[in-house]
Amino acid sequence: MRTIELLALLADQGNNTNVYLQTDGPRTVFRTFRTLTENESLQLIFEPQTGGHPLKVWELRVLINRPELRGAYLLGDSATGPHAIFGFQEQDDGLVLH
């Protein structure tokens, strides 16, 4: 999934909805990302954190809605390396990117 596609999907979600990340383990919160260019493709890699509160949808939009990031592929970091993000699942307490 690319950044622009996630932004389009988030348009239908409430601004104060929590957003979590799940790669190869339990879901976690994330507040930062790093970028990497591989095979001439920009990748935006969300970095999971222990503790803290989850981002809200509006905060995630502000974080990633930049022209230079809109075409970037989304990944979530884990102990075994970055994993592609293909979408999100709506749960009672928020959205889970995976």
PDB file of N, CA and C in Angstrom:
ATOM      1  N   MET A   1       0.847  -1.162   0.000  1.00  0.00           N
ATOM      2  CA  MET A   1       0.000   0.000   0.000  1.00  0.00           C
ATOM      3  C   MET A   1       0.901   1.236   0.000  1.00  0.00           C
ATOM      4  N   ARG A   2       0.463   2.227  -0.701  1.00  0.00           N
ATOM      5  CA  ARG A   2       1.188   3.501  -0.736  1.00  0.00           C
ATOM      6  C   ARG A   2       0.532   4.499   0.218  1.00  0.00           C
ATOM      7  N   THR A   3       1.278   5.531   0.537  1.00  0.00           N
ATOM      8  CA  THR A   3       0.796   6.559   1.456  1.00  0.00           C
ATOM      9  C   THR A   3      -0.504   7.188   0.962  1.00  0.00           C
ATOM     10  N   ILE A   4      -0.581   7.510  -0.305  1.00  0.00           N
ATOM     11  CA  ILE A   4      -1.768   8.163  -0.857  1.00  0.00           C
ATOM     12  C   ILE A   4      -3.001   7.280  -0.709  1.00  0.00           C
ATOM     13  N   GLU A   5      -2.830   5.961  -0.810  1.00  0.00           N
ATOM     14  CA  GLU A   5      -3.953   5.037  -0.663  1.00  0.00           C
ATOM     15  C   GLU A   5      -4.433   4.985   0.788  1.00  0.00           C
ATOM     16  N   LEU A   6      -3.495   4.986   1.727  1.00  0.00           N
ATOM     17  CA  LEU A   6      -3.882   5.006   3.135  1.00  0.00           C
ATOM     18  C   LEU A   6      -4.606   6.300   3.467  1.00  0.00           C
ATOM     19  N   LEU A   7      -4.115   7.411   2.964  1.00  0.00           N
ATOM     20  CA  LEU A   7      -4.776   8.692   3.214  1.00  0.00           C
ATOM     21  C   LEU A   7      -6.209   8.684   2.683  1.00  0.00           C
ATOM     22  N   ALA A   8      -6.424   8.070   1.525  1.00  0.00           N
ATOM     23  CA  ALA A   8      -7.775   7.983   0.964  1.00  0.00           C
ATOM     24  C   ALA A   8      -8.681   7.129   1.854  1.00  0.00           C
ATOM     25  N   LEU A   9      -8.156   6.016   2.370  1.00  0.00           N
ATOM     26  CA  LEU A   9      -8.950   5.151   3.252  1.00  0.00           C
ATOM     27  C   LEU A   9      -9.250   5.832   4.586  1.00  0.00           C
ATOM     28  N   LEU A  10      -8.327   6.622   5.081  1.00  0.00           N
ATOM     29  CA  LEU A  10      -8.521   7.301   6.360  1.00  0.00           C
ATOM     30  C   LEU A  10      -9.547   8.418   6.274  1.00  0.00           C
ATOM     31  N   ALA A  11      -9.869   8.860   5.074  1.00  0.00           N
ATOM     32  CA  ALA A  11     -10.839   9.948   4.910  1.00  0.00           C
ATOM     33  C   ALA A  11     -12.208   9.560   5.464  1.00  0.00           C
ATOM     34  N   ASP A  12     -12.519   8.279   5.509  1.00  0.00           N
ATOM     35  CA  ASP A  12     -13.814   7.809   6.000  1.00  0.00           C
ATOM     36  C   ASP A  12     -13.809   7.486   7.489  1.00  0.00           C
ATOM     37  N   GLN A  13     -12.689   7.712   8.162  1.00  0.00           N
ATOM     38  CA  GLN A  13     -12.563   7.367   9.577  1.00  0.00           C
ATOM     39  C   GLN A  13     -12.673   8.616  10.449  1.00  0.00           C
ATOM     40  N   GLY A  14     -13.107   8.427  11.681  1.00  0.00           N
ATOM     41  CA  GLY A  14     -13.195   9.543  12.618  1.00  0.00           C
ATOM     42  C   GLY A  14     -11.827  10.089  12.962  1.00  0.00           C
ATOM     43  N   ASN A  15     -11.712  11.387  13.107  1.00  0.00           N
ATOM     44  CA  ASN A  15     -10.433  12.023  13.386  1.00  0.00           C
ATOM     45  C   ASN A  15      -9.790  11.567  14.682  1.00  0.00           C
ATOM     46  N   ASN A  16     -10.588  11.234  15.689  1.00  0.00           N
ATOM     47  CA  ASN A  16     -10.044  10.850  16.991  1.00  0.00           C
ATOM     48  C   ASN A  16      -9.948   9.340  17.194  1.00  0.00           C
ATOM     49  N   THR A  17     -10.036   8.580  16.119  1.00  0.00           N
ATOM     50  CA  THR A  17      -9.879   7.131  16.189  1.00  0.00           C
ATOM     51  C   THR A  17      -8.410   6.782  16.398  1.00  0.00           C
ATOM     52  N   ASN A  18      -8.139   5.858  17.322  1.00  0.00           N
ATOM     53  CA  ASN A  18      -6.766   5.405  17.574  1.00  0.00           C
ATOM     54  C   ASN A  18      -6.252   4.586  16.398  1.00  0.00           C
ATOM     55  N   VAL A  19      -4.941   4.647  16.168  1.00  0.00           N
ATOM     56  CA  VAL A  19      -4.303   3.858  15.112  1.00  0.00           C
ATOM     57  C   VAL A  19      -3.145   3.079  15.720  1.00  0.00           C
ATOM     58  N   TYR A  20      -3.150   1.762  15.486  1.00  0.00           N
ATOM     59  CA  TYR A  20      -2.116   0.864  15.994  1.00  0.00           C
ATOM     60  C   TYR A  20      -1.391   0.219  14.821  1.00  0.00           C
ATOM     61  N   LEU A  21      -0.284  -0.455  15.110  1.00  0.00           N
ATOM     62  CA  LEU A  21       0.509  -1.164  14.111  1.00  0.00           C
ATOM     63  C   LEU A  21       0.670  -2.605  14.557  1.00  0.00           C
ATOM     64  N   GLN A  22       0.489  -3.541  13.631  1.00  0.00           N
ATOM     65  CA  GLN A  22       0.737  -4.947  13.929  1.00  0.00           C
ATOM     66  C   GLN A  22       1.506  -5.555  12.764  1.00  0.00           C
ATOM     67  N   THR A  23       2.697  -6.086  13.074  1.00  0.00           N
ATOM     68  CA  THR A  23       3.497  -6.722  12.024  1.00  0.00           C
ATOM     69  C   THR A  23       3.538  -8.222  12.280  1.00  0.00           C
ATOM     70  N   ASP A  24       4.510  -8.700  13.013  1.00  0.00           N
ATOM     71  CA  ASP A  24       4.602 -10.141  13.242  1.00  0.00           C
ATOM     72  C   ASP A  24       4.366 -10.526  14.700  1.00  0.00           C
ATOM     73  N   GLY A  25       3.860  -9.635  15.499  1.00  0.00           N
ATOM     74  CA  GLY A  25       3.595  -9.906  16.903  1.00  0.00           C
ATOM     75  C   GLY A  25       2.323  -9.207  17.329  1.00  0.00           C
ATOM     76  N   PRO A  26       2.214  -8.928  18.619  1.00  0.00           N
ATOM     77  CA  PRO A  26       1.034  -8.195  19.086  1.00  0.00           C
ATOM     78  C   PRO A  26       1.041  -6.758  18.561  1.00  0.00           C
ATOM     79  N   ARG A  27      -0.115  -6.151  18.562  1.00  0.00           N
ATOM     80  CA  ARG A  27      -0.182  -4.777  18.065  1.00  0.00           C
ATOM     81  C   ARG A  27       0.570  -3.834  19.006  1.00  0.00           C
ATOM     82  N   THR A  28       1.102  -2.788  18.415  1.00  0.00           N
ATOM     83  CA  THR A  28       1.881  -1.816  19.169  1.00  0.00           C
ATOM     84  C   THR A  28       1.447  -0.408  18.748  1.00  0.00           C
ATOM     85  N   VAL A  29       1.960   0.559  19.460  1.00  0.00           N
ATOM     86  CA  VAL A  29       1.764   1.949  19.049  1.00  0.00           C
ATOM     87  C   VAL A  29       2.988   2.380  18.253  1.00  0.00           C
ATOM     88  N   PHE A  30       2.850   3.429  17.500  1.00  0.00           N
ATOM     89  CA  PHE A  30       3.977   4.002  16.761  1.00  0.00           C
ATOM     90  C   PHE A  30       3.770   5.507  16.705  1.00  0.00           C
ATOM     91  N   ARG A  31       4.856   6.234  16.689  1.00  0.00           N
ATOM     92  CA  ARG A  31       4.769   7.688  16.624  1.00  0.00           C
ATOM     93  C   ARG A  31       5.746   8.268  15.598  1.00  0.00           C
ATOM     94  N   THR A  32       6.655   7.438  15.122  1.00  0.00           N
ATOM     95  CA  THR A  32       7.670   7.924  14.192  1.00  0.00           C
ATOM     96  C   THR A  32       7.810   6.970  13.015  1.00  0.00           C
ATOM     97  N   PHE A  33       8.516   7.434  12.013  1.00  0.00           N
ATOM     98  CA  PHE A  33       8.843   6.598  10.860  1.00  0.00           C
ATOM     99  C   PHE A  33      10.196   7.015  10.333  1.00  0.00           C
ATOM    100  N   ARG A  34      10.748   6.170   9.496  1.00  0.00           N
ATOM    101  CA  ARG A  34      11.966   6.511   8.766  1.00  0.00           C
ATOM    102  C   ARG A  34      11.708   6.215   7.298  1.00  0.00           C
ATOM    103  N   THR A  35      12.493   6.795   6.431  1.00  0.00           N
ATOM    104  CA  THR A  35      12.343   6.527   5.008  1.00  0.00           C
ATOM    105  C   THR A  35      13.595   5.825   4.496  1.00  0.00           C
ATOM    106  N   LEU A  36      13.400   5.072   3.457  1.00  0.00           N
ATOM    107  CA  LEU A  36      14.475   4.300   2.843  1.00  0.00           C
ATOM    108  C   LEU A  36      14.160   4.206   1.357  1.00  0.00           C
ATOM    109  N   THR A  37      15.168   4.348   0.524  1.00  0.00           N
ATOM    110  CA  THR A  37      14.973   4.155  -0.911  1.00  0.00           C
ATOM    111  C   THR A  37      15.628   2.842  -1.306  1.00  0.00           C
ATOM    112  N   GLU A  38      14.822   1.950  -1.858  1.00  0.00           N
ATOM    113  CA  GLU A  38      15.315   0.649  -2.287  1.00  0.00           C
ATOM    114  C   GLU A  38      14.773   0.367  -3.676  1.00  0.00           C
ATOM    115  N   ASN A  39      15.659  -0.001  -4.601  1.00  0.00           N
ATOM    116  CA  ASN A  39      15.278  -0.238  -5.997  1.00  0.00           C
ATOM    117  C   ASN A  39      14.515   0.954  -6.575  1.00  0.00           C
ATOM    118  N   GLU A  40      14.980   2.136  -6.267  1.00  0.00           N
ATOM    119  CA  GLU A  40      14.412   3.392  -6.738  1.00  0.00           C
ATOM    120  C   GLU A  40      12.985   3.634  -6.253  1.00  0.00           C
ATOM    121  N   SER A  41      12.556   2.910  -5.212  1.00  0.00           N
ATOM    122  CA  SER A  41      11.225   3.102  -4.631  1.00  0.00           C
ATOM    123  C   SER A  41      11.372   3.612  -3.205  1.00  0.00           C
ATOM    124  N   LEU A  42      10.650   4.679  -2.890  1.00  0.00           N
ATOM    125  CA  LEU A  42      10.674   5.224  -1.547  1.00  0.00           C
ATOM    126  C   LEU A  42       9.813   4.374  -0.628  1.00  0.00           C
ATOM    127  N   GLN A  43      10.352   4.053   0.529  1.00  0.00           N
ATOM    128  CA  GLN A  43       9.627   3.279   1.529  1.00  0.00           C
ATOM    129  C   GLN A  43       9.512   4.105   2.803  1.00  0.00           C
ATOM    130  N   LEU A  44       8.336   4.104   3.391  1.00  0.00           N
ATOM    131  CA  LEU A  44       8.083   4.769   4.654  1.00  0.00           C
ATOM    132  C   LEU A  44       7.870   3.653   5.680  1.00  0.00           C
ATOM    133  N   ILE A  45       8.745   3.576   6.668  1.00  0.00           N
ATOM    134  CA  ILE A  45       8.733   2.462   7.615  1.00  0.00           C
ATOM    135  C   ILE A  45       8.323   2.982   8.993  1.00  0.00           C
ATOM    136  N   PHE A  46       7.130   2.558   9.453  1.00  0.00           N
ATOM    137  CA  PHE A  46       6.666   2.932  10.787  1.00  0.00           C
ATOM    138  C   PHE A  46       7.471   2.167  11.829  1.00  0.00           C
ATOM    139  N   GLU A  47       7.884   2.865  12.878  1.00  0.00           N
ATOM    140  CA  GLU A  47       8.712   2.258  13.921  1.00  0.00           C
ATOM    141  C   GLU A  47       7.877   2.044  15.185  1.00  0.00           C
ATOM    142  N   PRO A  48       7.660   0.782  15.566  1.00  0.00           N
ATOM    143  CA  PRO A  48       6.846   0.508  16.752  1.00  0.00           C
ATOM    144  C   PRO A  48       7.536   0.967  18.033  1.00  0.00           C
ATOM    145  N   GLN A  49       6.729   1.268  19.045  1.00  0.00           N
ATOM    146  CA  GLN A  49       7.230   1.705  20.343  1.00  0.00           C
ATOM    147  C   GLN A  49       6.578   0.875  21.438  1.00  0.00           C
ATOM    148  N   THR A  50       7.250   0.790  22.546  1.00  0.00           N
ATOM    149  CA  THR A  50       6.631   0.190  23.717  1.00  0.00           C
ATOM    150  C   THR A  50       6.156   1.326  24.607  1.00  0.00           C
ATOM    151  N   GLY A  51       4.942   1.233  25.043  1.00  0.00           N
ATOM    152  CA  GLY A  51       4.380   2.281  25.889  1.00  0.00           C
ATOM    153  C   GLY A  51       3.900   3.475  25.097  1.00  0.00           C
ATOM    154  N   GLY A  52       3.304   4.392  25.799  1.00  0.00           N
ATOM    155  CA  GLY A  52       2.780   5.584  25.157  1.00  0.00           C
ATOM    156  C   GLY A  52       1.369   5.365  24.645  1.00  0.00           C
ATOM    157  N   HIS A  53       0.796   6.419  24.131  1.00  0.00           N
ATOM    158  CA  HIS A  53      -0.563   6.304  23.603  1.00  0.00           C
ATOM    159  C   HIS A  53      -0.515   6.241  22.082  1.00  0.00           C
ATOM    160  N   PRO A  54      -1.535   5.656  21.471  1.00  0.00           N
ATOM    161  CA  PRO A  54      -1.539   5.533  20.010  1.00  0.00           C
ATOM    162  C   PRO A  54      -1.809   6.872  19.330  1.00  0.00           C
ATOM    163  N   LEU A  55      -1.366   6.964  18.096  1.00  0.00           N
ATOM    164  CA  LEU A  55      -1.698   8.122  17.278  1.00  0.00           C
ATOM    165  C   LEU A  55      -3.193   8.136  17.007  1.00  0.00           C
ATOM    166  N   LYS A  56      -3.730   9.300  16.825  1.00  0.00           N
ATOM    167  CA  LYS A  56      -5.099   9.473  16.345  1.00  0.00           C
ATOM    168  C   LYS A  56      -5.034   9.585  14.824  1.00  0.00           C
ATOM    169  N   VAL A  57      -6.149   9.335  14.159  1.00  0.00           N
ATOM    170  CA  VAL A  57      -6.179   9.421  12.699  1.00  0.00           C
ATOM    171  C   VAL A  57      -5.700  10.792  12.222  1.00  0.00           C
ATOM    172  N   TRP A  58      -6.138  11.859  12.864  1.00  0.00           N
ATOM    173  CA  TRP A  58      -5.731  13.197  12.414  1.00  0.00           C
ATOM    174  C   TRP A  58      -4.229  13.391  12.570  1.00  0.00           C
ATOM    175  N   GLU A  59      -3.626  12.813  13.616  1.00  0.00           N
ATOM    176  CA  GLU A  59      -2.181  12.937  13.815  1.00  0.00           C
ATOM    177  C   GLU A  59      -1.422  12.166  12.741  1.00  0.00           C
ATOM    178  N   LEU A  60      -1.921  10.991  12.386  1.00  0.00           N
ATOM    179  CA  LEU A  60      -1.282  10.195  11.333  1.00  0.00           C
ATOM    180  C   LEU A  60      -1.351  10.937  10.003  1.00  0.00           C
ATOM    181  N   ARG A  61      -2.490  11.533   9.707  1.00  0.00           N
ATOM    182  CA  ARG A  61      -2.617  12.313   8.472  1.00  0.00           C
ATOM    183  C   ARG A  61      -1.584  13.438   8.416  1.00  0.00           C
ATOM    184  N   VAL A  62      -1.445  14.170   9.514  1.00  0.00           N
ATOM    185  CA  VAL A  62      -0.479  15.271   9.563  1.00  0.00           C
ATOM    186  C   VAL A  62       0.947  14.746   9.384  1.00  0.00           C
ATOM    187  N   LEU A  63       1.229  13.597   9.970  1.00  0.00           N
ATOM    188  CA  LEU A  63       2.565  13.011   9.932  1.00  0.00           C
ATOM    189  C   LEU A  63       2.980  12.588   8.517  1.00  0.00           C
ATOM    190  N   ILE A  64       2.047  12.000   7.765  1.00  0.00           N
ATOM    191  CA  ILE A  64       2.431  11.409   6.475  1.00  0.00           C
ATOM    192  C   ILE A  64       1.933  12.155   5.249  1.00  0.00           C
ATOM    193  N   ASN A  65       1.101  13.155   5.405  1.00  0.00           N
ATOM    194  CA  ASN A  65       0.531  13.842   4.247  1.00  0.00           C
ATOM    195  C   ASN A  65       1.461  14.948   3.754  1.00  0.00           C
ATOM    196  N   ARG A  66       2.535  14.515   3.127  1.00  0.00           N
ATOM    197  CA  ARG A  66       3.500  15.432   2.520  1.00  0.00           C
ATOM    198  C   ARG A  66       3.682  15.023   1.056  1.00  0.00           C
ATOM    199  N   PRO A  67       3.789  15.971   0.174  1.00  0.00           N
ATOM    200  CA  PRO A  67       3.897  15.628  -1.250  1.00  0.00           C
ATOM    201  C   PRO A  67       5.002  14.616  -1.555  1.00  0.00           C
ATOM    202  N   GLU A  68       6.144  14.749  -0.903  1.00  0.00           N
ATOM    203  CA  GLU A  68       7.269  13.849  -1.199  1.00  0.00           C
ATOM    204  C   GLU A  68       7.051  12.427  -0.681  1.00  0.00           C
ATOM    205  N   LEU A  69       6.068  12.235   0.209  1.00  0.00           N
ATOM    206  CA  LEU A  69       5.801  10.902   0.782  1.00  0.00           C
ATOM    207  C   LEU A  69       4.599  10.208   0.164  1.00  0.00           C
ATOM    208  N   ARG A  70       3.816  10.886  -0.629  1.00  0.00           N
ATOM    209  CA  ARG A  70       2.547  10.322  -1.113  1.00  0.00           C
ATOM    210  C   ARG A  70       2.713   9.065  -1.951  1.00  0.00           C
ATOM    211  N   GLY A  71       3.808   8.918  -2.646  1.00  0.00           N
ATOM    212  CA  GLY A  71       4.032   7.727  -3.461  1.00  0.00           C
ATOM    213  C   GLY A  71       4.810   6.629  -2.748  1.00  0.00           C
ATOM    214  N   ALA A  72       5.152   6.852  -1.483  1.00  0.00           N
ATOM    215  CA  ALA A  72       5.989   5.894  -0.748  1.00  0.00           C
ATOM    216  C   ALA A  72       5.198   4.643  -0.382  1.00  0.00           C
ATOM    217  N   TYR A  73       5.876   3.511  -0.438  1.00  0.00           N
ATOM    218  CA  TYR A  73       5.287   2.254   0.031  1.00  0.00           C
ATOM    219  C   TYR A  73       5.347   2.227   1.553  1.00  0.00           C
ATOM    220  N   LEU A  74       4.287   1.730   2.188  1.00  0.00           N
ATOM    221  CA  LEU A  74       4.213   1.684   3.642  1.00  0.00           C
ATOM    222  C   LEU A  74       4.657   0.337   4.173  1.00  0.00           C
ATOM    223  N   LEU A  75       5.501   0.388   5.210  1.00  0.00           N
ATOM    224  CA  LEU A  75       5.965  -0.821   5.872  1.00  0.00           C
ATOM    225  C   LEU A  75       5.937  -0.604   7.376  1.00  0.00           C
ATOM    226  N   GLY A  76       5.855  -1.694   8.113  1.00  0.00           N
ATOM    227  CA  GLY A  76       5.954  -1.645   9.562  1.00  0.00           C
ATOM    228  C   GLY A  76       7.192  -2.395   9.987  1.00  0.00           C
ATOM    229  N   ASP A  77       8.001  -1.813  10.843  1.00  0.00           N
ATOM    230  CA  ASP A  77       9.236  -2.449  11.288  1.00  0.00           C
ATOM    231  C   ASP A  77       8.936  -3.504  12.344  1.00  0.00           C
ATOM    232  N   SER A  78       9.770  -4.514  12.405  1.00  0.00           N
ATOM    233  CA  SER A  78       9.642  -5.573  13.406  1.00  0.00           C
ATOM    234  C   SER A  78      11.015  -6.166  13.669  1.00  0.00           C
ATOM    235  N   ALA A  79      11.073  -7.116  14.587  1.00  0.00           N
ATOM    236  CA  ALA A  79      12.344  -7.762  14.925  1.00  0.00           C
ATOM    237  C   ALA A  79      12.933  -8.514  13.730  1.00  0.00           C
ATOM    238  N   THR A  80      12.090  -8.973  12.817  1.00  0.00           N
ATOM    239  CA  THR A  80      12.566  -9.727  11.657  1.00  0.00           C
ATOM    240  C   THR A  80      12.732  -8.854  10.417  1.00  0.00           C
ATOM    241  N   GLY A  81      12.568  -7.546  10.578  1.00  0.00           N
ATOM    242  CA  GLY A  81      12.716  -6.627   9.460  1.00  0.00           C
ATOM    243  C   GLY A  81      11.387  -6.023   9.055  1.00  0.00           C
ATOM    244  N   PRO A  82      11.415  -5.082   8.137  1.00  0.00           N
ATOM    245  CA  PRO A  82      10.185  -4.408   7.703  1.00  0.00           C
ATOM    246  C   PRO A  82       9.230  -5.357   6.981  1.00  0.00           C
ATOM    247  N   HIS A  83       7.934  -5.150   7.236  1.00  0.00           N
ATOM    248  CA  HIS A  83       6.871  -5.918   6.589  1.00  0.00           C
ATOM    249  C   HIS A  83       5.928  -4.945   5.888  1.00  0.00           C
ATOM    250  N   ALA A  84       5.476  -5.311   4.704  1.00  0.00           N
ATOM    251  CA  ALA A  84       4.565  -4.458   3.949  1.00  0.00           C
ATOM    252  C   ALA A  84       3.238  -4.307   4.686  1.00  0.00           C
ATOM    253  N   ILE A  85       2.677  -3.120   4.601  1.00  0.00           N
ATOM    254  CA  ILE A  85       1.348  -2.863   5.142  1.00  0.00           C
ATOM    255  C   ILE A  85       0.375  -2.901   3.970  1.00  0.00           C
ATOM    256  N   PHE A  86      -0.655  -3.731   4.115  1.00  0.00           N
ATOM    257  CA  PHE A  86      -1.624  -3.911   3.032  1.00  0.00           C
ATOM    258  C   PHE A  86      -2.964  -3.255   3.318  1.00  0.00           C
ATOM    259  N   GLY A  87      -3.179  -2.811   4.550  1.00  0.00           N
ATOM    260  CA  GLY A  87      -4.450  -2.194   4.893  1.00  0.00           C
ATOM    261  C   GLY A  87      -4.593  -2.089   6.388  1.00  0.00           C
ATOM    262  N   PHE A  88      -5.839  -1.925   6.824  1.00  0.00           N
ATOM    263  CA  PHE A  88      -6.094  -1.879   8.258  1.00  0.00           C
ATOM    264  C   PHE A  88      -7.384  -2.607   8.574  1.00  0.00           C
ATOM    265  N   GLN A  89      -7.507  -2.971   9.829  1.00  0.00           N
ATOM    266  CA  GLN A  89      -8.701  -3.640  10.326  1.00  0.00           C
ATOM    267  C   GLN A  89      -9.336  -2.738  11.371  1.00  0.00           C
ATOM    268  N   GLU A  90     -10.643  -2.565  11.278  1.00  0.00           N
ATOM    269  CA  GLU A  90     -11.352  -1.785  12.279  1.00  0.00           C
ATOM    270  C   GLU A  90     -11.650  -2.675  13.479  1.00  0.00           C
ATOM    271  N   GLN A  91     -11.239  -2.226  14.655  1.00  0.00           N
ATOM    272  CA  GLN A  91     -11.534  -2.921  15.894  1.00  0.00           C
ATOM    273  C   GLN A  91     -12.277  -1.958  16.814  1.00  0.00           C
ATOM    274  N   ASP A  92     -12.788  -2.475  17.927  1.00  0.00           N
ATOM    275  CA  ASP A  92     -13.594  -1.649  18.833  1.00  0.00           C
ATOM    276  C   ASP A  92     -12.863  -0.412  19.312  1.00  0.00           C
ATOM    277  N   ASP A  93     -11.560  -0.532  19.561  1.00  0.00           N
ATOM    278  CA  ASP A  93     -10.806   0.597  20.127  1.00  0.00           C
ATOM    279  C   ASP A  93      -9.906   1.300  19.126  1.00  0.00           C
ATOM    280  N   GLY A  94     -10.077   1.034  17.846  1.00  0.00           N
ATOM    281  CA  GLY A  94      -9.289   1.752  16.860  1.00  0.00           C
ATOM    282  C   GLY A  94      -9.007   0.948  15.602  1.00  0.00           C
ATOM    283  N   LEU A  95      -8.100   1.462  14.795  1.00  0.00           N
ATOM    284  CA  LEU A  95      -7.669   0.830  13.547  1.00  0.00           C
ATOM    285  C   LEU A  95      -6.326   0.166  13.759  1.00  0.00           C
ATOM    286  N   VAL A  96      -6.124  -1.000  13.151  1.00  0.00           N
ATOM    287  CA  VAL A  96      -4.861  -1.716  13.253  1.00  0.00           C
ATOM    288  C   VAL A  96      -4.286  -1.858  11.839  1.00  0.00           C
ATOM    289  N   LEU A  97      -3.157  -1.182  11.586  1.00  0.00           N
ATOM    290  CA  LEU A  97      -2.467  -1.316  10.306  1.00  0.00           C
ATOM    291  C   LEU A  97      -1.744  -2.651  10.287  1.00  0.00           C
ATOM    292  N   HIS A  98      -1.897  -3.392   9.198  1.00  0.00           N
ATOM    293  CA  HIS A  98      -1.147  -4.652   9.050  1.00  0.00           C
ATOM    294  C   HIS A  98      -1.070  -5.057   7.595  1.00  0.00           C
TER     295      HIS A  98
END
